[in-house]
Amino acid sequence: MTFKKRLLAVAAPLAIGVALFLPSAASAHRGWIVPSFTVLSGDGAWVTLDAAISNELFYADHNPMRLDAVVVTAPDGSVDKIQNALTGKYRSTFDVQLAKPGTYRIGSATSSIMASWTQDGQVKRFRGTPEEFAKQVPAGAADLKTIKSFNRNETFVTRDAPTTTVFAPTGKGLELVPVTHPNDLVAGEAATFKFLLDGKPAADLDVTLAPGNSRYRATPGDFKVKTGADGSFKVTFPEAGMYWLNAVVRTGETGRGPGGGMGGPGGAPAPATPLAGDGMSASYTATLEALRP
């Protein structure tokens, strides 16, 4: 089915309204951002999104997702604001106005650093943003060890015809580079994507895909594919619906290590201990929709 046919099929029932974030599925807490629609048309197009961290995919049953890092990238590469944001007990929700035609990227990209070093004969520990790291950790610190993390959680929405500007790689962390447009996915038809890690092909990477509505199935339905030497992989979505896609890369020492500052005798803070070594972790999550043929 062509994108134009899909757009007409989806837009028809919307025309009136428009005109006027890998454990087992049974125990995992998985973050996600789900749009009410992935394909719309018309000048008055809006989309509402739910964001949460849940036990069951796309059912708000654990914690809301914070929205302070969520960014809307418009089809021309400019940054738009989320609107009508609200965070409740189990989920956050917000609106995005699709003022321009094309494909929008909606989600968060966050980085953090854990560090330990020796200063004046004592072990110091840090955890925060790269900007805070530059200010708080002395340049040339002795015995410096770091664990750097970069995480993405996003989804895509298209108004009218699809565009590709928002998929331009930044060279930071894990990034999904679509060959098949993510708003042109059809159940039963093969789609091709590519992963980059810091701008280079992410080869031999395990990619997990999980369909929503798991509470209505006897088995979760998760399945895995693996990237090739060029970072690309093919996937055929078995049925229509929303899917959670996730990949994680870890190198070096990525555990938190002992001595986080809690649990000392009598409830006193435990002394800090150094990280075991340097490490890096990067994760990517997206919510995609496959439509009926």
C-alpha atoms as a PDB file:
ATOM      1  CA  MET A   1       0.000   0.000   0.000  1.00  0.00           C
ATOM      2  CA  THR A   2       1.429   3.404  -0.926  1.00  0.00           C
ATOM      3  CA  PHE A   3       1.718   6.236   1.555  1.00  0.00           C
ATOM      4  CA  LYS A   4      -0.862   8.234  -0.369  1.00  0.00           C
ATOM      5  CA  LYS A   5      -3.428   5.442  -0.045  1.00  0.00           C
ATOM      6  CA  ARG A   6      -2.627   5.062   3.662  1.00  0.00           C
ATOM      7  CA  LEU A   7      -2.972   8.783   4.196  1.00  0.00           C
ATOM      8  CA  LEU A   8      -6.352   8.856   2.466  1.00  0.00           C
ATOM      9  CA  ALA A   9      -7.536   5.859   4.478  1.00  0.00           C
ATOM     10  CA  VAL A  10      -6.485   7.396   7.782  1.00  0.00           C
ATOM     11  CA  ALA A  11      -7.414  10.966   6.921  1.00  0.00           C
ATOM     12  CA  ALA A  12     -10.962  10.166   5.803  1.00  0.00           C
ATOM     13  CA  PRO A  13     -12.417   9.569   9.264  1.00  0.00           C
ATOM     14  CA  LEU A  14     -10.379  12.490  10.640  1.00  0.00           C
ATOM     15  CA  ALA A  15     -11.355  15.051   8.032  1.00  0.00           C
ATOM     16  CA  ILE A  16     -14.331  16.435   9.955  1.00  0.00           C
ATOM     17  CA  GLY A  17     -12.417  16.757  13.218  1.00  0.00           C
ATOM     18  CA  VAL A  18      -9.380  18.219  11.512  1.00  0.00           C
ATOM     19  CA  ALA A  19     -11.374  20.755   9.556  1.00  0.00           C
ATOM     20  CA  LEU A  20     -13.714  22.022  12.375  1.00  0.00           C
ATOM     21  CA  PHE A  21      10.729   5.453  25.685  1.00  0.00           C
ATOM     22  CA  LEU A  22      15.717  -5.556  27.766  1.00  0.00           C
ATOM     23  CA  PRO A  23      14.080  -7.453  30.436  1.00  0.00           C
ATOM     24  CA  SER A  24      11.236  -9.877  29.871  1.00  0.00           C
ATOM     25  CA  ALA A  25       7.924  -8.326  28.964  1.00  0.00           C
ATOM     26  CA  ALA A  26       6.296  -9.709  32.104  1.00  0.00           C
ATOM     27  CA  SER A  27       8.520  -7.769  34.517  1.00  0.00           C
ATOM     28  CA  ALA A  28      10.039  -4.872  32.608  1.00  0.00           C
ATOM     29  CA  HIS A  29       9.389  -1.221  33.235  1.00  0.00           C
ATOM     30  CA  ARG A  30       9.517   0.252  29.767  1.00  0.00           C
ATOM     31  CA  GLY A  31       9.243   3.888  28.805  1.00  0.00           C
ATOM     32  CA  TRP A  32       7.164   4.977  25.834  1.00  0.00           C
ATOM     33  CA  ILE A  33       5.602   7.933  24.048  1.00  0.00           C
ATOM     34  CA  VAL A  34       2.438   7.062  22.117  1.00  0.00           C
ATOM     35  CA  PRO A  35       0.668   9.427  19.702  1.00  0.00           C
ATOM     36  CA  SER A  36      -3.078   9.361  19.161  1.00  0.00           C
ATOM     37  CA  PHE A  37      -2.392   9.335  15.397  1.00  0.00           C
ATOM     38  CA  THR A  38       0.759   8.879  13.319  1.00  0.00           C
ATOM     39  CA  VAL A  39      -0.658  10.149  10.012  1.00  0.00           C
ATOM     40  CA  LEU A  40      -2.950  13.171   9.641  1.00  0.00           C
ATOM     41  CA  SER A  41      -3.897  15.788   7.075  1.00  0.00           C
ATOM     42  CA  GLY A  42      -5.139  19.352   6.985  1.00  0.00           C
ATOM     43  CA  ASP A  43      -4.145  22.745   8.312  1.00  0.00           C
ATOM     44  CA  GLY A  44      -5.853  22.236  11.684  1.00  0.00           C
ATOM     45  CA  ALA A  45      -4.079  18.988  12.563  1.00  0.00           C
ATOM     46  CA  TRP A  46      -3.240  18.255  16.198  1.00  0.00           C
ATOM     47  CA  VAL A  47      -1.972  15.115  17.914  1.00  0.00           C
ATOM     48  CA  THR A  48      -2.219  14.142  21.583  1.00  0.00           C
ATOM     49  CA  LEU A  49       0.532  12.014  23.109  1.00  0.00           C
ATOM     50  CA  ASP A  50       0.728   9.892  26.258  1.00  0.00           C
ATOM     51  CA  ALA A  51       4.101   9.265  27.939  1.00  0.00           C
ATOM     52  CA  ALA A  52       4.705   6.774  30.734  1.00  0.00           C
ATOM     53  CA  ILE A  53       6.891   4.042  32.205  1.00  0.00           C
ATOM     54  CA  SER A  54       4.816   0.903  32.586  1.00  0.00           C
ATOM     55  CA  ASN A  55       4.815  -2.829  33.244  1.00  0.00           C
ATOM     56  CA  GLU A  56       2.536  -3.483  30.274  1.00  0.00           C
ATOM     57  CA  LEU A  57       3.208  -1.617  27.069  1.00  0.00           C
ATOM     58  CA  PHE A  58       1.030   1.402  26.374  1.00  0.00           C
ATOM     59  CA  TYR A  59      -0.997   0.974  29.575  1.00  0.00           C
ATOM     60  CA  ALA A  60      -0.218   3.540  32.249  1.00  0.00           C
ATOM     61  CA  ASP A  61       0.239   1.362  35.337  1.00  0.00           C
ATOM     62  CA  HIS A  62       3.516   2.428  36.969  1.00  0.00           C
ATOM     63  CA  ASN A  63       4.950   5.950  36.661  1.00  0.00           C
ATOM     64  CA  PRO A  64       4.475   8.995  34.444  1.00  0.00           C
ATOM     65  CA  MET A  65       7.301  10.110  32.191  1.00  0.00           C
ATOM     66  CA  ARG A  66       8.756  13.527  32.913  1.00  0.00           C
ATOM     67  CA  LEU A  67       8.229  15.968  30.075  1.00  0.00           C
ATOM     68  CA  ASP A  68      10.993  18.497  30.742  1.00  0.00           C
ATOM     69  CA  ALA A  69      13.287  16.868  28.150  1.00  0.00           C
ATOM     70  CA  VAL A  70      10.653  16.278  25.451  1.00  0.00           C
ATOM     71  CA  VAL A  71      11.318  18.231  22.250  1.00  0.00           C
ATOM     72  CA  VAL A  72       9.275  18.561  19.077  1.00  0.00           C
ATOM     73  CA  THR A  73      11.335  18.800  15.888  1.00  0.00           C
ATOM     74  CA  ALA A  74       9.291  20.155  13.008  1.00  0.00           C
ATOM     75  CA  PRO A  75       9.674  19.053   9.363  1.00  0.00           C
ATOM     76  CA  ASP A  76      11.931  22.022   8.576  1.00  0.00           C
ATOM     77  CA  GLY A  77      14.269  21.203  11.491  1.00  0.00           C
ATOM     78  CA  SER A  78      12.985  23.963  13.770  1.00  0.00           C
ATOM     79  CA  VAL A  79      11.998  23.209  17.360  1.00  0.00           C
ATOM     80  CA  ASP A  80       8.363  23.527  18.451  1.00  0.00           C
ATOM     81  CA  LYS A  81       6.925  23.472  21.951  1.00  0.00           C
ATOM     82  CA  ILE A  82       4.660  20.862  23.457  1.00  0.00           C
ATOM     83  CA  GLN A  83       1.317  22.271  24.532  1.00  0.00           C
ATOM     84  CA  ASN A  84      -1.242  21.545  27.251  1.00  0.00           C
ATOM     85  CA  ALA A  85       1.249  19.415  29.191  1.00  0.00           C
ATOM     86  CA  LEU A  86      -0.076  17.567  32.231  1.00  0.00           C
ATOM     87  CA  THR A  87       1.515  14.963  34.481  1.00  0.00           C
ATOM     88  CA  GLY A  88      -0.719  12.706  36.541  1.00  0.00           C
ATOM     89  CA  LYS A  89      -0.181   9.752  38.836  1.00  0.00           C
ATOM     90  CA  TYR A  90       0.592   7.195  36.139  1.00  0.00           C
ATOM     91  CA  ARG A  91       1.122   9.101  32.904  1.00  0.00           C
ATOM     92  CA  SER A  92       1.911  12.421  31.303  1.00  0.00           C
ATOM     93  CA  THR A  93       0.024  13.814  28.349  1.00  0.00           C
ATOM     94  CA  PHE A  94       0.577  16.705  25.959  1.00  0.00           C
ATOM     95  CA  ASP A  95      -0.500  18.078  22.594  1.00  0.00           C
ATOM     96  CA  VAL A  96       1.446  19.009  19.471  1.00  0.00           C
ATOM     97  CA  GLN A  97       0.085  21.210  16.733  1.00  0.00           C
ATOM     98  CA  LEU A  98       1.214  20.127  13.281  1.00  0.00           C
ATOM     99  CA  ALA A  99       1.403  23.617  11.847  1.00  0.00           C
ATOM    100  CA  LYS A 100       3.669  22.615   8.949  1.00  0.00           C
ATOM    101  CA  PRO A 101       3.248  19.731   6.494  1.00  0.00           C
ATOM    102  CA  GLY A 102       5.719  16.865   6.795  1.00  0.00           C
ATOM    103  CA  THR A 103       7.157  14.537   9.417  1.00  0.00           C
ATOM    104  CA  TYR A 104       7.709  15.508  13.062  1.00  0.00           C
ATOM    105  CA  ARG A 105      10.078  13.885  15.565  1.00  0.00           C
ATOM    106  CA  ILE A 106       8.659  14.004  19.097  1.00  0.00           C
ATOM    107  CA  GLY A 107      10.725  12.772  22.031  1.00  0.00           C
ATOM    108  CA  SER A 108      13.701  13.187  24.313  1.00  0.00           C
ATOM    109  CA  ALA A 109      17.461  12.793  23.941  1.00  0.00           C
ATOM    110  CA  THR A 110      19.299  12.940  27.270  1.00  0.00           C
ATOM    111  CA  SER A 111      22.909  12.424  28.288  1.00  0.00           C
ATOM    112  CA  SER A 112      24.481  11.928  31.693  1.00  0.00           C
ATOM    113  CA  ILE A 113      27.818  11.092  33.273  1.00  0.00           C
ATOM    114  CA  MET A 114      28.798   9.153  36.376  1.00  0.00           C
ATOM    115  CA  ALA A 115      32.327   9.771  37.604  1.00  0.00           C
ATOM    116  CA  SER A 116      34.749   9.052  40.418  1.00  0.00           C
ATOM    117  CA  TRP A 117      38.135  10.580  41.119  1.00  0.00           C
ATOM    118  CA  THR A 118      40.602  11.131  43.943  1.00  0.00           C
ATOM    119  CA  GLN A 119      40.944  14.543  45.552  1.00  0.00           C
ATOM    120  CA  ASP A 120      42.924  15.353  48.716  1.00  0.00           C
ATOM    121  CA  GLY A 121      43.267  11.638  49.441  1.00  0.00           C
ATOM    122  CA  GLN A 122      39.512  10.988  49.261  1.00  0.00           C
ATOM    123  CA  VAL A 123      37.303   9.399  46.606  1.00  0.00           C
ATOM    124  CA  LYS A 124      34.784  11.786  45.118  1.00  0.00           C
ATOM    125  CA  ARG A 125      31.669  10.781  43.162  1.00  0.00           C
ATOM    126  CA  PHE A 126      29.575  12.680  40.636  1.00  0.00           C
ATOM    127  CA  ARG A 127      26.405  12.057  38.673  1.00  0.00           C
ATOM    128  CA  GLY A 128      24.769  14.605  36.399  1.00  0.00           C
ATOM    129  CA  THR A 129      24.730  16.242  32.985  1.00  0.00           C
ATOM    130  CA  PRO A 130      27.833  16.808  30.834  1.00  0.00           C
ATOM    131  CA  GLU A 131      27.508  20.528  31.540  1.00  0.00           C
ATOM    132  CA  GLU A 132      27.497  19.938  35.303  1.00  0.00           C
ATOM    133  CA  PHE A 133      30.420  17.524  34.932  1.00  0.00           C
ATOM    134  CA  ALA A 134      32.510  20.226  33.258  1.00  0.00           C
ATOM    135  CA  LYS A 135      31.807  22.615  36.132  1.00  0.00           C
ATOM    136  CA  GLN A 136      32.058  20.278  39.124  1.00  0.00           C
ATOM    137  CA  VAL A 137      34.783  17.760  38.245  1.00  0.00           C
ATOM    138  CA  PRO A 138      38.302  19.241  38.298  1.00  0.00           C
ATOM    139  CA  ALA A 139      40.160  19.241  35.009  1.00  0.00           C
ATOM    140  CA  GLY A 140      42.900  16.609  35.109  1.00  0.00           C
ATOM    141  CA  ALA A 141      41.385  14.939  38.192  1.00  0.00           C
ATOM    142  CA  ALA A 142      43.436  12.027  39.518  1.00  0.00           C
ATOM    143  CA  ASP A 143      42.165   8.452  38.999  1.00  0.00           C
ATOM    144  CA  LEU A 144      39.229   9.769  36.967  1.00  0.00           C
ATOM    145  CA  LYS A 145      36.760   7.092  35.801  1.00  0.00           C
ATOM    146  CA  THR A 146      33.564   7.867  33.901  1.00  0.00           C
ATOM    147  CA  ILE A 147      30.441   6.108  32.706  1.00  0.00           C
ATOM    148  CA  LYS A 148      28.739   8.071  29.955  1.00  0.00           C
ATOM    149  CA  SER A 149      25.107   7.460  29.011  1.00  0.00           C
ATOM    150  CA  PHE A 150      22.968   8.693  26.126  1.00  0.00           C
ATOM    151  CA  ASN A 151      19.306   7.774  25.834  1.00  0.00           C
ATOM    152  CA  ARG A 152      16.641   8.503  23.224  1.00  0.00           C
ATOM    153  CA  ASN A 153      12.902   7.885  23.384  1.00  0.00           C
ATOM    154  CA  GLU A 154      10.807   9.148  20.485  1.00  0.00           C
ATOM    155  CA  THR A 155       7.987   8.713  18.023  1.00  0.00           C
ATOM    156  CA  PHE A 156       7.104  10.180  14.635  1.00  0.00           C
ATOM    157  CA  VAL A 157       3.994  11.840  13.255  1.00  0.00           C
ATOM    158  CA  THR A 158       3.364  12.978   9.677  1.00  0.00           C
ATOM    159  CA  ARG A 159       0.973  15.606   8.410  1.00  0.00           C
ATOM    160  CA  ASP A 160       0.168  15.271   4.710  1.00  0.00           C
ATOM    161  CA  ALA A 161       3.201  13.978   2.726  1.00  0.00           C
ATOM    162  CA  PRO A 162       6.166  12.409   4.576  1.00  0.00           C
ATOM    163  CA  THR A 163       9.535  14.187   4.797  1.00  0.00           C
ATOM    164  CA  THR A 164      12.976  13.087   6.026  1.00  0.00           C
ATOM    165  CA  THR A 165      14.682  16.176   7.473  1.00  0.00           C
ATOM    166  CA  VAL A 166      14.134  15.081  11.097  1.00  0.00           C
ATOM    167  CA  PHE A 167      16.100  11.866  10.492  1.00  0.00           C
ATOM    168  CA  ALA A 168      19.404  13.635   9.853  1.00  0.00           C
ATOM    169  CA  PRO A 169      21.928  11.993  12.250  1.00  0.00           C
ATOM    170  CA  THR A 170      23.525  14.065  14.970  1.00  0.00           C
ATOM    171  CA  GLY A 171      26.431  11.669  15.599  1.00  0.00           C
ATOM    172  CA  LYS A 172      25.483  11.286  19.271  1.00  0.00           C
ATOM    173  CA  GLY A 173      24.428   7.987  20.826  1.00  0.00           C
ATOM    174  CA  LEU A 174      22.196   5.419  19.142  1.00  0.00           C
ATOM    175  CA  GLU A 175      20.143   6.833  16.281  1.00  0.00           C
ATOM    176  CA  LEU A 176      17.590   5.238  13.987  1.00  0.00           C
ATOM    177  CA  VAL A 177      17.990   6.126  10.319  1.00  0.00           C
ATOM    178  CA  PRO A 178      14.943   4.925   8.396  1.00  0.00           C
ATOM    179  CA  VAL A 179      15.174   3.437   4.936  1.00  0.00           C
ATOM    180  CA  THR A 180      11.458   2.722   5.080  1.00  0.00           C
ATOM    181  CA  HIS A 181       9.687   5.801   6.416  1.00  0.00           C
ATOM    182  CA  PRO A 182       8.403   5.081   9.970  1.00  0.00           C
ATOM    183  CA  ASN A 183       5.001   6.523   9.080  1.00  0.00           C
ATOM    184  CA  ASP A 184       4.670   4.211   6.082  1.00  0.00           C
ATOM    185  CA  LEU A 185       4.718   0.845   7.843  1.00  0.00           C
ATOM    186  CA  VAL A 186       2.222  -1.830   6.862  1.00  0.00           C
ATOM    187  CA  ALA A 187       1.577  -5.148   8.613  1.00  0.00           C
ATOM    188  CA  GLY A 188       2.917  -8.073   6.618  1.00  0.00           C
ATOM    189  CA  GLU A 189       5.282  -5.927   4.544  1.00  0.00           C
ATOM    190  CA  ALA A 190       9.054  -5.831   5.157  1.00  0.00           C
ATOM    191  CA  ALA A 191      10.525  -2.540   6.391  1.00  0.00           C
ATOM    192  CA  THR A 192      14.204  -1.568   6.532  1.00  0.00           C
ATOM    193  CA  PHE A 193      15.940   0.592   9.137  1.00  0.00           C
ATOM    194  CA  LYS A 194      19.516   1.379  10.092  1.00  0.00           C
ATOM    195  CA  PHE A 195      21.174   2.078  13.456  1.00  0.00           C
ATOM    196  CA  LEU A 196      24.124   4.379  13.965  1.00  0.00           C
ATOM    197  CA  LEU A 197      26.237   4.620  17.117  1.00  0.00           C
ATOM    198  CA  ASP A 198      27.983   7.974  17.432  1.00  0.00           C
ATOM    199  CA  GLY A 199      27.548   8.421  13.683  1.00  0.00           C
ATOM    200  CA  LYS A 200      28.953   5.009  12.663  1.00  0.00           C
ATOM    201  CA  PRO A 201      27.067   1.811  11.698  1.00  0.00           C
ATOM    202  CA  ALA A 202      25.979  -0.134  14.778  1.00  0.00           C
ATOM    203  CA  ALA A 203      26.766  -3.688  13.648  1.00  0.00           C
ATOM    204  CA  ASP A 204      25.582  -6.914  15.323  1.00  0.00           C
ATOM    205  CA  LEU A 205      23.104  -5.032  17.496  1.00  0.00           C
ATOM    206  CA  ASP A 206      20.093  -6.813  19.017  1.00  0.00           C
ATOM    207  CA  VAL A 207      16.860  -4.935  18.349  1.00  0.00           C
ATOM    208  CA  THR A 208      13.757  -5.828  20.339  1.00  0.00           C
ATOM    209  CA  LEU A 209      10.254  -5.179  19.029  1.00  0.00           C
ATOM    210  CA  ALA A 210       7.164  -5.655  21.132  1.00  0.00           C
ATOM    211  CA  PRO A 211       3.532  -5.163  20.112  1.00  0.00           C
ATOM    212  CA  GLY A 212       1.091  -3.383  22.370  1.00  0.00           C
ATOM    213  CA  ASN A 213      -2.093  -4.919  23.813  1.00  0.00           C
ATOM    214  CA  SER A 214      -0.058  -7.612  25.592  1.00  0.00           C
ATOM    215  CA  ARG A 215      -2.675  -7.853  28.328  1.00  0.00           C
ATOM    216  CA  TYR A 216      -5.004  -9.424  25.781  1.00  0.00           C
ATOM    217  CA  ARG A 217      -2.558 -12.128  24.640  1.00  0.00           C
ATOM    218  CA  ALA A 218      -1.379 -15.344  26.254  1.00  0.00           C
ATOM    219  CA  THR A 219       2.225 -14.478  25.329  1.00  0.00           C
ATOM    220  CA  PRO A 220       3.830 -11.009  25.115  1.00  0.00           C
ATOM    221  CA  GLY A 221       4.693 -11.316  21.430  1.00  0.00           C
ATOM    222  CA  ASP A 222       8.169  -9.760  21.651  1.00  0.00           C
ATOM    223  CA  PHE A 223      10.631 -10.660  18.911  1.00  0.00           C
ATOM    224  CA  LYS A 224      14.206  -9.731  18.025  1.00  0.00           C
ATOM    225  CA  VAL A 225      16.198  -8.931  14.927  1.00  0.00           C
ATOM    226  CA  LYS A 226      19.903  -8.178  14.537  1.00  0.00           C
ATOM    227  CA  THR A 227      21.670  -5.467  12.575  1.00  0.00           C
ATOM    228  CA  GLY A 228      24.141  -6.309   9.833  1.00  0.00           C
ATOM    229  CA  ALA A 229      27.638  -4.977   9.269  1.00  0.00           C
ATOM    230  CA  ASP A 230      26.238  -1.694   7.947  1.00  0.00           C
ATOM    231  CA  GLY A 231      23.874  -1.285  10.909  1.00  0.00           C
ATOM    232  CA  SER A 232      20.770  -2.080   8.875  1.00  0.00           C
ATOM    233  CA  PHE A 233      18.016  -4.560   9.656  1.00  0.00           C
ATOM    234  CA  LYS A 234      14.719  -5.681   8.168  1.00  0.00           C
ATOM    235  CA  VAL A 235      11.531  -6.301  10.082  1.00  0.00           C
ATOM    236  CA  THR A 236       8.059  -7.482   9.123  1.00  0.00           C
ATOM    237  CA  PHE A 237       5.372  -6.436  11.559  1.00  0.00           C
ATOM    238  CA  PRO A 238       3.079  -9.465  12.011  1.00  0.00           C
ATOM    239  CA  GLU A 239      -0.091  -7.489  12.612  1.00  0.00           C
ATOM    240  CA  ALA A 240      -1.389  -3.960  12.655  1.00  0.00           C
ATOM    241  CA  GLY A 241      -0.937  -1.865  15.781  1.00  0.00           C
ATOM    242  CA  MET A 242       1.544   0.070  17.883  1.00  0.00           C
ATOM    243  CA  TYR A 243       5.016  -1.409  18.442  1.00  0.00           C
ATOM    244  CA  TRP A 244       7.763  -0.614  20.951  1.00  0.00           C
ATOM    245  CA  LEU A 245      11.261  -0.740  19.439  1.00  0.00           C
ATOM    246  CA  ASN A 246      14.367  -0.795  21.631  1.00  0.00           C
ATOM    247  CA  ALA A 247      18.121  -1.302  21.325  1.00  0.00           C
ATOM    248  CA  VAL A 248      20.910  -0.918  23.905  1.00  0.00           C
ATOM    249  CA  VAL A 249      24.693  -0.773  23.614  1.00  0.00           C
ATOM    250  CA  ARG A 250      27.029  -1.076  26.607  1.00  0.00           C
ATOM    251  CA  THR A 251      30.816  -1.082  26.630  1.00  0.00           C
ATOM    252  CA  GLY A 252      33.366  -1.121  29.438  1.00  0.00           C
ATOM    253  CA  GLU A 253      32.255  -0.914  33.058  1.00  0.00           C
ATOM    254  CA  THR A 254      28.643   0.311  33.097  1.00  0.00           C
ATOM    255  CA  GLY A 255      27.500  -0.853  36.534  1.00  0.00           C
ATOM    256  CA  ARG A 256      26.938   1.760  39.204  1.00  0.00           C
ATOM    257  CA  GLY A 257      29.431   0.110  41.525  1.00  0.00           C
ATOM    258  CA  PRO A 258      29.440   0.190  45.327  1.00  0.00           C
ATOM    259  CA  GLY A 259      29.597   3.174  47.590  1.00  0.00           C
ATOM    260  CA  GLY A 260      26.775   5.300  46.237  1.00  0.00           C
ATOM    261  CA  GLY A 261      26.659   7.222  49.486  1.00  0.00           C
ATOM    262  CA  MET A 262      23.947   5.269  51.355  1.00  0.00           C
ATOM    263  CA  GLY A 263      23.761   2.339  53.672  1.00  0.00           C
ATOM    264  CA  GLY A 264      26.514   3.004  56.176  1.00  0.00           C
ATOM    265  CA  PRO A 265      26.398   1.825  59.808  1.00  0.00           C
ATOM    266  CA  GLY A 266      23.495   3.262  61.735  1.00  0.00           C
ATOM    267  CA  GLY A 267      22.057   4.803  58.578  1.00  0.00           C
ATOM    268  CA  ALA A 268      25.065   7.063  58.048  1.00  0.00           C
ATOM    269  CA  PRO A 269      26.215   7.621  54.472  1.00  0.00           C
ATOM    270  CA  ALA A 270      28.661   4.992  53.277  1.00  0.00           C
ATOM    271  CA  PRO A 271      32.031   6.254  52.098  1.00  0.00           C
ATOM    272  CA  ALA A 272      32.321   6.717  48.359  1.00  0.00           C
ATOM    273  CA  THR A 273      34.298   4.131  46.431  1.00  0.00           C
ATOM    274  CA  PRO A 274      35.757   4.508  42.940  1.00  0.00           C
ATOM    275  CA  LEU A 275      34.062   3.254  39.813  1.00  0.00           C
ATOM    276  CA  ALA A 276      35.490  -0.002  38.505  1.00  0.00           C
ATOM    277  CA  GLY A 277      36.464   1.551  35.195  1.00  0.00           C
ATOM    278  CA  ASP A 278      35.378   3.652  32.266  1.00  0.00           C
ATOM    279  CA  GLY A 279      32.225   2.725  30.385  1.00  0.00           C
ATOM    280  CA  MET A 280      29.535   3.825  27.989  1.00  0.00           C
ATOM    281  CA  SER A 281      25.876   2.977  27.497  1.00  0.00           C
ATOM    282  CA  ALA A 282      23.456   4.126  24.828  1.00  0.00           C
ATOM    283  CA  SER A 283      19.814   3.213  24.417  1.00  0.00           C
ATOM    284  CA  TYR A 284      17.207   3.952  21.782  1.00  0.00           C
ATOM    285  CA  THR A 285      13.444   3.547  22.075  1.00  0.00           C
ATOM    286  CA  ALA A 286      10.711   4.398  19.624  1.00  0.00           C
ATOM    287  CA  THR A 287       6.989   3.794  19.259  1.00  0.00           C
ATOM    288  CA  LEU A 288       5.986   2.895  15.696  1.00  0.00           C
ATOM    289  CA  GLU A 289       2.629   2.092  14.119  1.00  0.00           C
ATOM    290  CA  ALA A 290       1.992  -0.571  11.492  1.00  0.00           C
ATOM    291  CA  LEU A 291      -1.314  -0.157   9.718  1.00  0.00           C
ATOM    292  CA  ARG A 292      -3.546  -2.719   8.072  1.00  0.00           C
ATOM    293  CA  PRO A 293      -2.727  -3.526   4.423  1.00  0.00           C
END
